[in-house]
Amino acid sequence: AEERTRLRRALEAVGPNRARLVLVAGEAGLGKSRLVADAMEWARQQGMTVLEGACLPLGETVPYGPFIEMLGADVFLGPEAIDRLRLFRVVADGLADRAGPASLVVVVEDLHWADASTCDLVVFCARVLGAERLVLVGTYRREEVPPSGPLGRLLGELGAAPWVERIDLTAFTPDETAELVAAVRGDDVPGELVHRVHTRSGGNPFFAEELLAMGASVDQLPDTVRGAVLARLARLGPAGRTVAGVLAVAGPRVHPELVVAASGLDPVAVDEAVAGLVANGLVVADEKGFGFRHSLAQEAVAANLGPGERAGVHRRVAELLS
């Protein structure tokens, strides 16, 4: 409720010389898109014009993809496209023209997949359209933004700029999970069910809803969650999948030395694999070691191991711990 109020206030504050950039961050499943969709529906009801575009997880990122979606490809194929500054100016003017007399909200989803040119264009529009009734809203998965990547560098450069507002979504508290369970199952729900859903989902609303959709079997692994986890795992190389298998079998927290020994990889390869797992939002690394961000992700990876592979990891871990 607090995040919804903050986002609506940011939209209400739009006006001449009040252009701003609102960045909504959070891990996958925390409700960024739902929050923004709710705000955009409200904005349209207030008479605002809304333009929306999204970055895509393509192997080769398409420059300016969200803006092509909003304005069409012709803008980026004309003579202005040769000169970057002129192109940016044409795009900014095109956005202003789309607004007309109304306030304009420009939404760019999934900035963690954006290339450097798209990130630069977002900031350019937010800065140069200060005389227009404009606000830009960007969403991104916090755990998928390496500091050296395009968005990571941009976030570092923006710092605490007064024209940027950051809204960070966090996992549900037990009480918030209880409210979600009550909304889905009815007011009279046993505390044990709430506890089980919250523990297994880690407070992630998407995971919690998928568990509740299983009916009475909240201890099962939903196919939707399995698919989402394995899709992220598929982005990684063999070393990443090997380390994920070790963590799935030996978790919930595994010491780095045990991961190296059980995986058969050298320490540098393990570090690189863990970095990839962290960047894809699957694993956390802290003073206690490495482990999956959510127990459901651990279950999905463990279930994906073949019987022989799982038995082999079990055996190696047991031998190392004995």
Protein backbone atom coordinates (compact mmCIF):
# COMPACT_ATOMS: atom_id res chain seq x y z
CA ALA A 1 0.00 0.00 0.00
CA GLU A 2 2.85 2.38 0.79
CA GLU A 3 4.53 1.77 -2.58
CA ARG A 4 1.26 2.32 -4.43
CA THR A 5 0.74 5.62 -2.61
CA ARG A 6 4.28 6.79 -3.39
CA LEU A 7 3.98 5.97 -7.08
CA ARG A 8 0.62 7.72 -7.40
CA ARG A 9 2.01 10.79 -5.64
CA ALA A 10 4.90 10.87 -8.09
CA LEU A 11 2.42 10.87 -10.96
CA GLU A 12 0.30 13.56 -9.30
CA ALA A 13 3.36 15.78 -8.86
CA VAL A 14 4.10 15.83 -12.58
CA GLY A 15 4.00 19.32 -14.03
CA PRO A 16 6.06 22.03 -15.68
CA ASN A 17 9.62 21.94 -14.34
CA ARG A 18 8.75 18.87 -12.28
CA ALA A 19 9.84 16.12 -14.67
CA ARG A 20 11.17 13.12 -12.84
CA LEU A 21 12.32 9.54 -13.16
CA VAL A 22 10.77 6.94 -10.87
CA LEU A 23 12.66 3.64 -10.58
CA VAL A 24 10.78 0.64 -9.21
CA ALA A 25 13.12 -2.15 -8.14
CA GLY A 26 12.63 -5.61 -6.72
CA GLU A 27 13.35 -9.25 -7.38
CA ALA A 28 11.21 -11.20 -9.82
CA GLY A 29 7.78 -12.01 -8.42
CA LEU A 30 7.53 -9.14 -5.93
CA GLY A 31 4.88 -7.34 -7.98
CA LYS A 32 6.66 -4.56 -9.89
CA SER A 33 4.55 -4.99 -13.01
CA ARG A 34 1.36 -5.30 -10.97
CA LEU A 35 2.18 -2.12 -9.04
CA VAL A 36 2.91 -0.18 -12.22
CA ALA A 37 -0.16 -1.54 -14.04
CA ASP A 38 -2.35 -0.42 -11.13
CA ALA A 39 -0.76 3.04 -11.22
CA MET A 40 -1.18 3.33 -15.00
CA GLU A 41 -4.86 2.42 -14.78
CA TRP A 42 -5.25 5.12 -12.14
CA ALA A 43 -3.27 7.60 -14.30
CA ARG A 44 -5.56 7.04 -17.28
CA GLN A 45 -8.57 7.62 -15.06
CA GLN A 46 -7.03 10.99 -14.15
CA GLY A 47 -6.81 11.90 -17.84
CA MET A 48 -3.08 11.27 -18.25
CA THR A 49 -1.59 9.83 -21.42
CA VAL A 50 0.36 6.62 -20.88
CA LEU A 51 2.98 5.18 -23.22
CA GLU A 52 4.49 1.79 -22.42
CA GLY A 53 7.42 -0.25 -23.69
CA ALA A 54 9.60 -3.06 -22.41
CA CYS A 55 13.16 -4.31 -22.79
CA LEU A 56 13.40 -7.91 -23.93
CA PRO A 57 15.79 -10.72 -22.89
CA LEU A 58 17.19 -11.19 -26.37
CA GLY A 59 20.65 -12.56 -27.05
CA GLU A 60 21.52 -9.32 -28.83
CA THR A 61 19.80 -6.42 -27.11
CA VAL A 62 17.84 -4.19 -29.48
CA PRO A 63 18.91 -0.56 -28.96
CA TYR A 64 16.03 1.73 -28.02
CA GLY A 65 13.62 -1.24 -28.04
CA PRO A 66 11.04 0.23 -25.61
CA PHE A 67 10.98 3.55 -27.48
CA ILE A 68 10.56 1.79 -30.83
CA GLU A 69 7.56 0.08 -29.26
CA MET A 70 6.12 3.46 -28.24
CA LEU A 71 6.96 5.63 -31.24
CA GLY A 72 7.50 3.19 -34.11
CA ALA A 73 10.69 2.22 -35.94
CA ASP A 74 10.63 5.07 -38.47
CA VAL A 75 11.93 7.54 -35.89
CA PHE A 76 15.08 5.47 -35.55
CA LEU A 77 15.63 4.96 -39.29
CA GLY A 78 15.63 8.57 -40.46
CA PRO A 79 18.64 10.82 -41.05
CA GLU A 80 18.56 11.91 -37.41
CA ALA A 81 19.58 8.40 -36.34
CA ILE A 82 23.11 9.06 -37.58
CA ASP A 83 23.66 11.67 -34.90
CA ARG A 84 22.97 10.35 -31.39
CA LEU A 85 22.15 13.70 -29.82
CA ARG A 86 19.80 14.65 -32.65
CA LEU A 87 18.08 11.27 -32.38
CA PHE A 88 17.59 11.71 -28.65
CA ARG A 89 16.09 15.16 -29.25
CA VAL A 90 13.70 13.78 -31.88
CA VAL A 91 12.57 11.03 -29.50
CA ALA A 92 12.04 13.49 -26.66
CA ASP A 93 10.02 15.77 -28.94
CA GLY A 94 8.01 12.79 -30.16
CA LEU A 95 7.11 11.88 -26.59
CA ALA A 96 6.10 15.46 -25.83
CA ASP A 97 3.89 15.56 -28.94
CA ARG A 98 2.13 12.36 -27.86
CA ALA A 99 1.17 13.96 -24.56
CA GLY A 100 -0.69 16.90 -26.08
CA PRO A 101 -2.30 19.01 -23.32
CA ALA A 102 -2.36 16.06 -20.90
CA SER A 103 0.33 14.87 -18.54
CA LEU A 104 2.42 12.05 -19.99
CA VAL A 105 3.62 8.93 -18.23
CA VAL A 106 6.30 6.91 -20.02
CA VAL A 107 6.80 3.37 -18.69
CA VAL A 108 9.91 1.32 -19.50
CA GLU A 109 9.69 -2.18 -18.06
CA ASP A 110 12.60 -4.54 -17.35
CA LEU A 111 15.46 -2.07 -17.53
CA HIS A 112 17.81 -4.81 -16.29
CA TRP A 113 17.75 -6.05 -19.91
CA ALA A 114 18.39 -2.60 -21.41
CA ASP A 115 21.47 -1.71 -23.40
CA ALA A 116 23.53 1.41 -22.65
CA SER A 117 21.85 3.46 -25.39
CA THR A 118 18.38 2.79 -24.00
CA CYS A 119 19.49 3.70 -20.47
CA ASP A 120 21.02 6.94 -21.73
CA LEU A 121 17.85 7.82 -23.64
CA VAL A 122 15.69 7.29 -20.56
CA VAL A 123 17.80 9.74 -18.56
CA PHE A 124 18.01 12.22 -21.45
CA CYS A 125 14.23 12.38 -21.75
CA ALA A 126 13.76 12.78 -18.01
CA ARG A 127 16.23 15.67 -17.94
CA VAL A 128 15.47 17.65 -21.10
CA LEU A 129 11.69 17.49 -20.85
CA GLY A 130 11.64 19.46 -17.63
CA ALA A 131 9.28 22.01 -19.14
CA GLU A 132 6.76 19.32 -20.04
CA ARG A 133 4.23 17.50 -17.88
CA LEU A 134 6.18 14.26 -17.97
CA VAL A 135 7.25 11.45 -15.66
CA LEU A 136 9.19 8.35 -16.64
CA VAL A 137 8.71 5.10 -14.73
CA GLY A 138 11.27 2.32 -15.05
CA THR A 139 11.22 -1.14 -13.49
CA TYR A 140 14.07 -3.55 -12.97
CA ARG A 141 15.05 -6.69 -11.11
CA ARG A 142 17.53 -5.59 -8.50
CA GLU A 143 19.29 -8.97 -8.38
CA GLU A 144 19.93 -8.96 -12.15
CA VAL A 145 21.84 -5.67 -12.32
CA PRO A 146 25.62 -6.19 -12.20
CA PRO A 147 27.48 -3.00 -11.20
CA SER A 148 29.48 -3.12 -14.44
CA GLY A 149 26.38 -3.49 -16.67
CA PRO A 150 24.61 -0.59 -18.44
CA LEU A 151 21.93 -0.13 -15.80
CA GLY A 152 24.35 -0.75 -12.93
CA ARG A 153 26.61 2.03 -14.17
CA LEU A 154 23.66 4.35 -14.66
CA LEU A 155 22.30 3.74 -11.16
CA GLY A 156 25.72 4.55 -9.75
CA GLU A 157 25.92 7.77 -11.71
CA LEU A 158 22.41 8.86 -10.70
CA GLY A 159 23.18 8.44 -7.01
CA ALA A 160 20.77 10.52 -4.96
CA ALA A 161 19.76 12.91 -7.75
CA PRO A 162 16.79 14.97 -6.50
CA TRP A 163 14.82 14.39 -9.72
CA VAL A 164 14.99 10.59 -9.27
CA GLU A 165 12.69 8.72 -6.93
CA ARG A 166 13.44 5.10 -6.02
CA ILE A 167 10.78 2.66 -4.89
CA ASP A 168 12.25 -0.62 -3.63
CA LEU A 169 9.87 -3.54 -3.25
CA THR A 170 10.71 -6.09 -0.59
CA ALA A 171 9.43 -9.55 0.25
CA PHE A 172 6.19 -9.85 2.19
CA THR A 173 6.30 -9.96 5.96
CA PRO A 174 4.41 -12.83 7.66
CA ASP A 175 1.47 -10.49 8.26
CA GLU A 176 1.36 -9.47 4.59
CA THR A 177 1.51 -13.11 3.55
CA ALA A 178 -1.39 -13.77 5.93
CA GLU A 179 -3.39 -11.04 4.16
CA LEU A 180 -2.63 -12.62 0.79
CA VAL A 181 -3.64 -16.08 2.00
CA ALA A 182 -6.87 -14.69 3.43
CA ALA A 183 -7.65 -12.90 0.17
CA VAL A 184 -7.21 -16.15 -1.78
CA ARG A 185 -8.61 -18.70 0.66
CA GLY A 186 -11.00 -16.65 2.77
CA ASP A 187 -10.68 -15.00 6.16
CA ASP A 188 -10.71 -18.15 8.27
CA VAL A 189 -7.34 -19.72 7.43
CA PRO A 190 -5.21 -21.75 9.85
CA GLY A 191 -2.01 -20.15 11.08
CA GLU A 192 -0.05 -23.25 10.08
CA LEU A 193 -1.05 -22.74 6.43
CA VAL A 194 0.10 -19.12 6.53
CA HIS A 195 3.39 -20.15 8.13
CA ARG A 196 3.98 -22.88 5.55
CA VAL A 197 3.21 -20.63 2.60
CA HIS A 198 5.38 -17.82 3.93
CA THR A 199 8.32 -20.14 4.69
CA ARG A 200 8.25 -21.91 1.34
CA SER A 201 7.69 -18.74 -0.70
CA GLY A 202 10.20 -16.64 1.20
CA GLY A 203 7.61 -13.86 1.17
CA ASN A 204 7.60 -13.72 -2.64
CA PRO A 205 3.99 -12.95 -3.67
CA PHE A 206 4.24 -14.81 -6.98
CA PHE A 207 5.55 -17.94 -5.33
CA ALA A 208 2.92 -17.64 -2.58
CA GLU A 209 0.08 -17.31 -5.07
CA GLU A 210 1.32 -20.27 -7.07
CA LEU A 211 1.50 -22.38 -3.92
CA LEU A 212 -2.05 -21.41 -3.00
CA ALA A 213 -3.19 -22.27 -6.52
CA MET A 214 -2.17 -25.86 -5.79
CA GLY A 215 -5.22 -26.19 -3.55
CA ALA A 216 -4.61 -28.23 -0.44
CA SER A 217 -1.19 -29.39 -1.64
CA VAL A 218 0.93 -26.37 -0.69
CA ASP A 219 3.87 -28.71 -0.04
CA GLN A 220 4.13 -29.56 -3.73
CA LEU A 221 6.27 -27.67 -6.25
CA PRO A 222 4.12 -25.67 -8.71
CA ASP A 223 5.00 -26.23 -12.36
CA THR A 224 5.02 -22.47 -12.94
CA VAL A 225 7.67 -21.96 -10.28
CA ARG A 226 9.70 -24.90 -11.56
CA GLY A 227 9.58 -23.47 -15.07
CA ALA A 228 10.62 -19.98 -13.94
CA VAL A 229 13.59 -21.32 -11.96
CA LEU A 230 14.79 -23.69 -14.67
CA ALA A 231 14.49 -20.94 -17.30
CA ARG A 232 16.97 -18.86 -15.31
CA LEU A 233 19.22 -21.86 -14.79
CA ALA A 234 19.25 -22.48 -18.55
CA ARG A 235 20.97 -19.11 -19.08
CA LEU A 236 24.07 -20.41 -17.29
CA GLY A 237 26.86 -22.63 -18.52
CA PRO A 238 27.75 -26.14 -17.33
CA ALA A 239 29.71 -24.82 -14.34
CA GLY A 240 26.74 -22.80 -13.11
CA ARG A 241 24.44 -25.78 -13.38
CA THR A 242 26.96 -27.99 -11.59
CA VAL A 243 27.30 -25.59 -8.68
CA ALA A 244 23.51 -25.17 -8.54
CA GLY A 245 23.20 -28.95 -8.24
CA VAL A 246 25.62 -29.05 -5.33
CA LEU A 247 23.77 -26.25 -3.54
CA ALA A 248 20.42 -27.94 -4.16
CA VAL A 249 21.59 -31.20 -2.59
CA ALA A 250 23.80 -29.83 0.21
CA GLY A 251 21.85 -26.66 1.13
CA PRO A 252 20.37 -24.59 2.61
CA ARG A 253 23.79 -22.95 3.13
CA VAL A 254 27.01 -24.45 1.83
CA HIS A 255 30.56 -23.36 2.67
CA PRO A 256 32.59 -22.28 -0.39
CA GLU A 257 35.27 -24.92 0.23
CA LEU A 258 32.65 -27.67 0.24
CA VAL A 259 31.22 -26.37 -3.04
CA VAL A 260 34.67 -26.45 -4.64
CA ALA A 261 35.37 -29.99 -3.40
CA ALA A 262 31.93 -31.41 -4.24
CA SER A 263 31.69 -29.81 -7.68
CA GLY A 264 35.17 -30.81 -8.86
CA LEU A 265 35.67 -27.28 -10.20
CA ASP A 266 38.56 -24.98 -9.40
CA PRO A 267 37.87 -22.04 -7.05
CA VAL A 268 37.86 -19.44 -9.84
CA ALA A 269 35.28 -21.40 -11.83
CA VAL A 270 33.13 -21.78 -8.71
CA ASP A 271 33.30 -18.03 -8.01
CA GLU A 272 32.28 -17.27 -11.59
CA ALA A 273 29.45 -19.79 -11.42
CA VAL A 274 28.16 -18.38 -8.14
CA ALA A 275 28.33 -14.86 -9.58
CA GLY A 276 26.14 -16.01 -12.46
CA LEU A 277 23.67 -17.67 -10.11
CA VAL A 278 23.50 -14.52 -7.97
CA ALA A 279 23.06 -12.31 -11.05
CA ASN A 280 20.13 -14.45 -12.16
CA GLY A 281 18.43 -14.11 -8.80
CA LEU A 282 18.75 -17.78 -7.84
CA VAL A 283 21.43 -17.72 -5.14
CA VAL A 284 22.62 -15.48 -2.34
CA ALA A 285 26.19 -15.36 -1.08
CA ASP A 286 26.95 -14.14 2.43
CA GLU A 287 29.18 -14.86 5.42
CA LYS A 288 27.34 -18.15 5.97
CA GLY A 289 28.21 -19.42 2.49
CA PHE A 290 26.16 -19.95 -0.65
CA GLY A 291 22.49 -20.91 -0.79
CA PHE A 292 19.32 -20.52 -2.81
CA ARG A 293 17.32 -17.36 -2.38
CA HIS A 294 14.13 -19.39 -1.99
CA SER A 295 13.54 -22.95 -0.85
CA LEU A 296 11.27 -23.46 -3.85
CA ALA A 297 14.17 -22.67 -6.18
CA GLN A 298 16.29 -25.24 -4.35
CA GLU A 299 13.51 -27.81 -4.72
CA ALA A 300 13.16 -27.07 -8.45
CA VAL A 301 16.88 -27.54 -9.13
CA ALA A 302 17.07 -30.69 -6.99
CA ALA A 303 14.04 -32.17 -8.78
CA ASN A 304 15.69 -31.47 -12.14
CA LEU A 305 18.76 -33.57 -11.31
CA GLY A 306 18.82 -37.08 -12.70
CA PRO A 307 18.78 -39.91 -10.13
CA GLY A 308 22.40 -40.79 -10.81
CA GLU A 309 23.56 -37.18 -10.67
CA ARG A 310 21.69 -36.54 -7.44
CA ALA A 311 23.07 -39.71 -5.85
CA GLY A 312 26.59 -38.79 -6.95
CA VAL A 313 26.40 -35.36 -5.36
CA HIS A 314 24.93 -36.85 -2.18
CA ARG A 315 27.77 -39.33 -2.02
CA ARG A 316 30.52 -36.74 -2.57
CA VAL A 317 29.06 -34.37 0.00
CA ALA A 318 28.66 -37.17 2.57
CA GLU A 319 32.26 -38.31 2.04
CA LEU A 320 33.57 -34.77 2.43
CA LEU A 321 31.59 -34.19 5.61
CA SER A 322 32.51 -37.53 7.20
